[in-house]
């Protein structure tokens, strides 16, 4: 199964944004200019849903994994 999609409640946490946040989403001083949850989405108490698909199998079966805090 190949990882196809992740739907997460938050885009980042209080520390990880420093490693991946685009420059366009930062203030002039380099601090975060966007909230950690700009969409307001809450997947089961700050969780995530992961979708997987087998691209090699007939019918392309899929499954998912769900986690929450």
PDB file of N, CA and C in Angstrom:
ATOM      1  N   UNK A   1       0.847  -1.177   0.000  1.00  0.00           N
ATOM      2  CA  UNK A   1       0.000   0.000   0.000  1.00  0.00           C
ATOM      3  C   UNK A   1       0.894   1.243   0.000  1.00  0.00           C
ATOM      4  N   UNK A   2       0.524   2.195  -0.810  1.00  0.00           N
ATOM      5  CA  UNK A   2       1.249   3.460  -0.888  1.00  0.00           C
ATOM      6  C   UNK A   2       0.473   4.554  -0.172  1.00  0.00           C
ATOM      7  N   UNK A   3       1.179   5.400   0.537  1.00  0.00           N
ATOM      8  CA  UNK A   3       0.546   6.534   1.209  1.00  0.00           C
ATOM      9  C   UNK A   3       0.056   7.508   0.146  1.00  0.00           C
ATOM     10  N   UNK A   4      -1.233   7.801   0.153  1.00  0.00           N
ATOM     11  CA  UNK A   4      -1.832   8.660  -0.847  1.00  0.00           C
ATOM     12  C   UNK A   4      -2.121  10.057  -0.326  1.00  0.00           C
ATOM     13  N   UNK A   5      -2.623  10.153   0.912  1.00  0.00           N
ATOM     14  CA  UNK A   5      -3.107  11.438   1.415  1.00  0.00           C
ATOM     15  C   UNK A   5      -3.124  11.434   2.940  1.00  0.00           C
ATOM     16  N   UNK A   6      -2.820  12.566   3.529  1.00  0.00           N
ATOM     17  CA  UNK A   6      -2.996  12.777   4.968  1.00  0.00           C
ATOM     18  C   UNK A   6      -3.888  13.986   5.156  1.00  0.00           C
ATOM     19  N   UNK A   7      -4.910  13.831   5.989  1.00  0.00           N
ATOM     20  CA  UNK A   7      -5.764  14.948   6.388  1.00  0.00           C
ATOM     21  C   UNK A   7      -5.518  15.135   7.876  1.00  0.00           C
ATOM     22  N   UNK A   8      -4.869  16.238   8.232  1.00  0.00           N
ATOM     23  CA  UNK A   8      -4.464  16.473   9.616  1.00  0.00           C
ATOM     24  C   UNK A   8      -5.181  17.687  10.191  1.00  0.00           C
ATOM     25  N   UNK A   9      -5.389  17.670  11.498  1.00  0.00           N
ATOM     26  CA  UNK A   9      -6.030  18.800  12.163  1.00  0.00           C
ATOM     27  C   UNK A   9      -5.158  20.050  12.117  1.00  0.00           C
ATOM     28  N   UNK A  10      -3.879  19.881  12.331  1.00  0.00           N
ATOM     29  CA  UNK A  10      -2.960  21.020  12.363  1.00  0.00           C
ATOM     30  C   UNK A  10      -1.914  20.877  11.276  1.00  0.00           C
ATOM     31  N   UNK A  11      -1.455  21.997  10.754  1.00  0.00           N
ATOM     32  CA  UNK A  11      -0.378  21.964   9.774  1.00  0.00           C
ATOM     33  C   UNK A  11       0.978  21.805  10.436  1.00  0.00           C
ATOM     34  N   UNK A  12       1.098  22.233  11.673  1.00  0.00           N
ATOM     35  CA  UNK A  12       2.364  22.126  12.387  1.00  0.00           C
ATOM     36  C   UNK A  12       2.090  22.261  13.878  1.00  0.00           C
ATOM     37  N   UNK A  13       3.132  22.085  14.671  1.00  0.00           N
ATOM     38  CA  UNK A  13       2.996  22.321  16.101  1.00  0.00           C
ATOM     39  C   UNK A  13       3.830  23.544  16.471  1.00  0.00           C
ATOM     40  N   UNK A  14       3.994  23.784  17.723  1.00  0.00           N
ATOM     41  CA  UNK A  14       4.683  24.983  18.171  1.00  0.00           C
ATOM     42  C   UNK A  14       6.143  25.090  17.785  1.00  0.00           C
ATOM     43  N   UNK A  15       6.788  23.971  17.431  1.00  0.00           N
ATOM     44  CA  UNK A  15       8.212  24.004  17.093  1.00  0.00           C
ATOM     45  C   UNK A  15       8.507  23.606  15.649  1.00  0.00           C
ATOM     46  N   UNK A  16       7.740  22.671  15.081  1.00  0.00           N
ATOM     47  CA  UNK A  16       8.093  22.135  13.759  1.00  0.00           C
ATOM     48  C   UNK A  16       7.911  23.114  12.607  1.00  0.00           C
ATOM     49  N   UNK A  17       7.148  24.161  12.801  1.00  0.00           N
ATOM     50  CA  UNK A  17       6.937  25.113  11.709  1.00  0.00           C
ATOM     51  C   UNK A  17       8.252  25.731  11.238  1.00  0.00           C
ATOM     52  N   UNK A  18       9.237  25.809  12.105  1.00  0.00           N
ATOM     53  CA  UNK A  18      10.518  26.424  11.741  1.00  0.00           C
ATOM     54  C   UNK A  18      11.246  25.653  10.642  1.00  0.00           C
ATOM     55  N   UNK A  19      10.990  24.361  10.534  1.00  0.00           N
ATOM     56  CA  UNK A  19      11.708  23.545   9.561  1.00  0.00           C
ATOM     57  C   UNK A  19      11.035  23.454   8.203  1.00  0.00           C
ATOM     58  N   UNK A  20       9.763  23.795   8.108  1.00  0.00           N
ATOM     59  CA  UNK A  20       9.103  23.610   6.819  1.00  0.00           C
ATOM     60  C   UNK A  20       8.242  24.770   6.337  1.00  0.00           C
ATOM     61  N   UNK A  21       7.938  25.743   7.168  1.00  0.00           N
ATOM     62  CA  UNK A  21       7.024  26.821   6.784  1.00  0.00           C
ATOM     63  C   UNK A  21       7.621  27.677   5.669  1.00  0.00           C
ATOM     64  N   UNK A  22       6.896  27.868   4.548  1.00  0.00           N
ATOM     65  CA  UNK A  22       7.415  28.687   3.446  1.00  0.00           C
ATOM     66  C   UNK A  22       7.705  30.124   3.883  1.00  0.00           C
ATOM     67  N   UNK A  23       8.647  30.737   3.225  1.00  0.00           N
ATOM     68  CA  UNK A  23       9.014  32.117   3.552  1.00  0.00           C
ATOM     69  C   UNK A  23       7.827  33.065   3.401  1.00  0.00           C
ATOM     70  N   UNK A  24       6.935  32.770   2.452  1.00  0.00           N
ATOM     71  CA  UNK A  24       5.764  33.630   2.237  1.00  0.00           C
ATOM     72  C   UNK A  24       4.830  33.673   3.439  1.00  0.00           C
ATOM     73  N   UNK A  25       4.890  32.643   4.289  1.00  0.00           N
ATOM     74  CA  UNK A  25       4.016  32.558   5.457  1.00  0.00           C
ATOM     75  C   UNK A  25       4.704  33.017   6.738  1.00  0.00           C
ATOM     76  N   UNK A  26       5.808  33.729   6.592  1.00  0.00           N
ATOM     77  CA  UNK A  26       6.540  34.244   7.752  1.00  0.00           C
ATOM     78  C   UNK A  26       6.486  35.769   7.767  1.00  0.00           C
ATOM     79  N   UNK A  27       6.587  36.326   8.964  1.00  0.00           N
ATOM     80  CA  UNK A  27       6.684  37.780   9.105  1.00  0.00           C
ATOM     81  C   UNK A  27       8.070  38.244   8.680  1.00  0.00           C
ATOM     82  N   UNK A  28       8.258  39.547   8.625  1.00  0.00           N
ATOM     83  CA  UNK A  28       9.555  40.107   8.230  1.00  0.00           C
ATOM     84  C   UNK A  28      10.685  39.660   9.149  1.00  0.00           C
ATOM     85  N   UNK A  29      10.369  39.426  10.425  1.00  0.00           N
ATOM     86  CA  UNK A  29      11.402  39.002  11.368  1.00  0.00           C
ATOM     87  C   UNK A  29      11.620  37.483  11.369  1.00  0.00           C
ATOM     88  N   UNK A  30      10.910  36.751  10.487  1.00  0.00           N
ATOM     89  CA  UNK A  30      11.080  35.307  10.387  1.00  0.00           C
ATOM     90  C   UNK A  30      10.144  34.498  11.252  1.00  0.00           C
ATOM     91  N   UNK A  31       9.300  35.147  12.046  1.00  0.00           N
ATOM     92  CA  UNK A  31       8.365  34.414  12.887  1.00  0.00           C
ATOM     93  C   UNK A  31       7.144  33.963  12.081  1.00  0.00           C
ATOM     94  N   UNK A  32       6.408  33.044  12.640  1.00  0.00           N
ATOM     95  CA  UNK A  32       5.243  32.478  11.960  1.00  0.00           C
ATOM     96  C   UNK A  32       4.144  33.526  11.828  1.00  0.00           C
ATOM     97  N   UNK A  33       3.645  33.719  10.607  1.00  0.00           N
ATOM     98  CA  UNK A  33       2.598  34.702  10.354  1.00  0.00           C
ATOM     99  C   UNK A  33       1.224  34.056  10.199  1.00  0.00           C
ATOM    100  N   UNK A  34       1.173  32.718  10.196  1.00  0.00           N
ATOM    101  CA  UNK A  34      -0.094  31.998  10.040  1.00  0.00           C
ATOM    102  C   UNK A  34      -0.328  31.128  11.269  1.00  0.00           C
ATOM    103  N   UNK A  35      -1.584  30.848  11.615  1.00  0.00           N
ATOM    104  CA  UNK A  35      -1.857  29.979  12.762  1.00  0.00           C
ATOM    105  C   UNK A  35      -1.511  28.525  12.441  1.00  0.00           C
ATOM    106  N   UNK A  36      -1.377  27.689  13.474  1.00  0.00           N
ATOM    107  CA  UNK A  36      -1.072  26.274  13.251  1.00  0.00           C
ATOM    108  C   UNK A  36      -2.274  25.530  12.676  1.00  0.00           C
ATOM    109  N   UNK A  37      -3.454  26.089  12.791  1.00  0.00           N
ATOM    110  CA  UNK A  37      -4.656  25.457  12.230  1.00  0.00           C
ATOM    111  C   UNK A  37      -5.482  26.466  11.424  1.00  0.00           C
ATOM    112  N   UNK A  38      -4.957  26.932  10.293  1.00  0.00           N
ATOM    113  CA  UNK A  38      -5.633  27.983   9.540  1.00  0.00           C
ATOM    114  C   UNK A  38      -7.011  27.591   9.021  1.00  0.00           C
ATOM    115  N   UNK A  39      -7.279  26.295   8.823  1.00  0.00           N
ATOM    116  CA  UNK A  39      -8.590  25.875   8.326  1.00  0.00           C
ATOM    117  C   UNK A  39      -9.613  25.691   9.439  1.00  0.00           C
ATOM    118  N   UNK A  40      -9.146  25.547  10.684  1.00  0.00           N
ATOM    119  CA  UNK A  40     -10.049  25.282  11.795  1.00  0.00           C
ATOM    120  C   UNK A  40     -10.541  23.844  11.824  1.00  0.00           C
ATOM    121  N   UNK A  41      -9.931  22.965  11.042  1.00  0.00           N
ATOM    122  CA  UNK A  41     -10.316  21.559  10.973  1.00  0.00           C
ATOM    123  C   UNK A  41      -9.874  20.832  12.240  1.00  0.00           C
ATOM    124  N   UNK A  42     -10.762  20.005  12.783  1.00  0.00           N
ATOM    125  CA  UNK A  42     -10.423  19.212  13.969  1.00  0.00           C
ATOM    126  C   UNK A  42     -10.835  17.775  13.709  1.00  0.00           C
ATOM    127  N   UNK A  43      -9.852  16.912  13.446  1.00  0.00           N
ATOM    128  CA  UNK A  43     -10.106  15.506  13.176  1.00  0.00           C
ATOM    129  C   UNK A  43      -9.978  14.739  14.490  1.00  0.00           C
ATOM    130  N   UNK A  44     -11.073  14.560  15.184  1.00  0.00           N
ATOM    131  CA  UNK A  44     -11.071  13.763  16.406  1.00  0.00           C
ATOM    132  C   UNK A  44     -10.097  14.216  17.456  1.00  0.00           C
ATOM    133  N   UNK A  45     -10.197  15.421  17.924  1.00  0.00           N
ATOM    134  CA  UNK A  45      -9.330  15.951  18.973  1.00  0.00           C
ATOM    135  C   UNK A  45      -7.875  16.028  18.512  1.00  0.00           C
ATOM    136  N   UNK A  46      -7.645  16.805  17.485  1.00  0.00           N
ATOM    137  CA  UNK A  46      -6.318  17.063  16.932  1.00  0.00           C
ATOM    138  C   UNK A  46      -5.662  15.784  16.416  1.00  0.00           C
ATOM    139  N   UNK A  47      -6.379  15.067  15.601  1.00  0.00           N
ATOM    140  CA  UNK A  47      -5.856  13.840  15.018  1.00  0.00           C
ATOM    141  C   UNK A  47      -5.608  13.972  13.534  1.00  0.00           C
ATOM    142  N   UNK A  48      -5.393  12.823  12.893  1.00  0.00           N
ATOM    143  CA  UNK A  48      -5.143  12.776  11.459  1.00  0.00           C
ATOM    144  C   UNK A  48      -5.757  11.517  10.875  1.00  0.00           C
ATOM    145  N   UNK A  49      -6.090  11.574   9.593  1.00  0.00           N
ATOM    146  CA  UNK A  49      -6.541  10.416   8.831  1.00  0.00           C
ATOM    147  C   UNK A  49      -5.537  10.226   7.697  1.00  0.00           C
ATOM    148  N   UNK A  50      -5.065   9.006   7.540  1.00  0.00           N
ATOM    149  CA  UNK A  50      -4.087   8.670   6.499  1.00  0.00           C
ATOM    150  C   UNK A  50      -4.751   7.706   5.519  1.00  0.00           C
ATOM    151  N   UNK A  51      -4.695   8.004   4.239  1.00  0.00           N
ATOM    152  CA  UNK A  51      -5.300   7.173   3.206  1.00  0.00           C
ATOM    153  C   UNK A  51      -4.189   6.468   2.435  1.00  0.00           C
ATOM    154  N   UNK A  52      -4.355   5.165   2.220  1.00  0.00           N
ATOM    155  CA  UNK A  52      -3.396   4.349   1.494  1.00  0.00           C
ATOM    156  C   UNK A  52      -4.095   3.657   0.335  1.00  0.00           C
ATOM    157  N   UNK A  53      -3.351   3.427  -0.758  1.00  0.00           N
ATOM    158  CA  UNK A  53      -3.906   2.808  -1.953  1.00  0.00           C
ATOM    159  C   UNK A  53      -2.870   1.857  -2.537  1.00  0.00           C
ATOM    160  N   UNK A  54      -3.337   0.744  -3.085  1.00  0.00           N
ATOM    161  CA  UNK A  54      -2.431  -0.157  -3.814  1.00  0.00           C
ATOM    162  C   UNK A  54      -2.635   0.101  -5.302  1.00  0.00           C
ATOM    163  N   UNK A  55      -1.656   0.722  -5.914  1.00  0.00           N
ATOM    164  CA  UNK A  55      -1.754   1.056  -7.335  1.00  0.00           C
ATOM    165  C   UNK A  55      -1.441  -0.125  -8.243  1.00  0.00           C
ATOM    166  N   UNK A  56      -0.972  -1.231  -7.667  1.00  0.00           N
ATOM    167  CA  UNK A  56      -0.588  -2.392  -8.464  1.00  0.00           C
ATOM    168  C   UNK A  56      -1.658  -3.474  -8.477  1.00  0.00           C
ATOM    169  N   UNK A  57      -2.604  -3.423  -7.564  1.00  0.00           N
ATOM    170  CA  UNK A  57      -3.641  -4.439  -7.465  1.00  0.00           C
ATOM    171  C   UNK A  57      -4.838  -4.087  -8.346  1.00  0.00           C
ATOM    172  N   UNK A  58      -5.519  -5.092  -8.881  1.00  0.00           N
ATOM    173  CA  UNK A  58      -6.735  -4.836  -9.645  1.00  0.00           C
ATOM    174  C   UNK A  58      -7.776  -4.131  -8.775  1.00  0.00           C
ATOM    175  N   UNK A  59      -8.412  -3.139  -9.327  1.00  0.00           N
ATOM    176  CA  UNK A  59      -9.424  -2.395  -8.572  1.00  0.00           C
ATOM    177  C   UNK A  59      -8.853  -1.330  -7.665  1.00  0.00           C
ATOM    178  N   UNK A  60      -7.544  -1.259  -7.574  1.00  0.00           N
ATOM    179  CA  UNK A  60      -6.856  -0.261  -6.736  1.00  0.00           C
ATOM    180  C   UNK A  60      -7.476  -0.150  -5.333  1.00  0.00           C
ATOM    181  N   UNK A  61      -7.404  -1.210  -4.532  1.00  0.00           N
ATOM    182  CA  UNK A  61      -7.995  -1.172  -3.183  1.00  0.00           C
ATOM    183  C   UNK A  61      -7.336  -0.099  -2.319  1.00  0.00           C
ATOM    184  N   UNK A  62      -8.074   0.362  -1.338  1.00  0.00           N
ATOM    185  CA  UNK A  62      -7.554   1.394  -0.443  1.00  0.00           C
ATOM    186  C   UNK A  62      -7.947   1.081   0.989  1.00  0.00           C
ATOM    187  N   UNK A  63      -7.249   1.708   1.918  1.00  0.00           N
ATOM    188  CA  UNK A  63      -7.552   1.594   3.330  1.00  0.00           C
ATOM    189  C   UNK A  63      -7.163   2.901   4.005  1.00  0.00           C
ATOM    190  N   UNK A  64      -7.409   2.976   5.295  1.00  0.00           N
ATOM    191  CA  UNK A  64      -7.052   4.195   6.012  1.00  0.00           C
ATOM    192  C   UNK A  64      -6.564   3.851   7.415  1.00  0.00           C
ATOM    193  N   UNK A  65      -5.932   4.807   8.033  1.00  0.00           N
ATOM    194  CA  UNK A  65      -5.476   4.733   9.426  1.00  0.00           C
ATOM    195  C   UNK A  65      -5.880   6.042  10.073  1.00  0.00           C
ATOM    196  N   UNK A  66      -6.361   5.974  11.293  1.00  0.00           N
ATOM    197  CA  UNK A  66      -6.825   7.154  12.008  1.00  0.00           C
ATOM    198  C   UNK A  66      -6.125   7.217  13.347  1.00  0.00           C
ATOM    199  N   UNK A  67      -5.658   8.405  13.725  1.00  0.00           N
ATOM    200  CA  UNK A  67      -5.110   8.573  15.071  1.00  0.00           C
ATOM    201  C   UNK A  67      -5.590   9.900  15.644  1.00  0.00           C
ATOM    202  N   UNK A  68      -5.540   9.993  16.947  1.00  0.00           N
ATOM    203  CA  UNK A  68      -5.916  11.242  17.626  1.00  0.00           C
ATOM    204  C   UNK A  68      -5.176  11.320  18.952  1.00  0.00           C
ATOM    205  N   UNK A  69      -5.118  12.512  19.481  1.00  0.00           N
ATOM    206  CA  UNK A  69      -4.448  12.712  20.776  1.00  0.00           C
ATOM    207  C   UNK A  69      -5.335  12.320  21.918  1.00  0.00           C
TER     208      UNK A  69
END
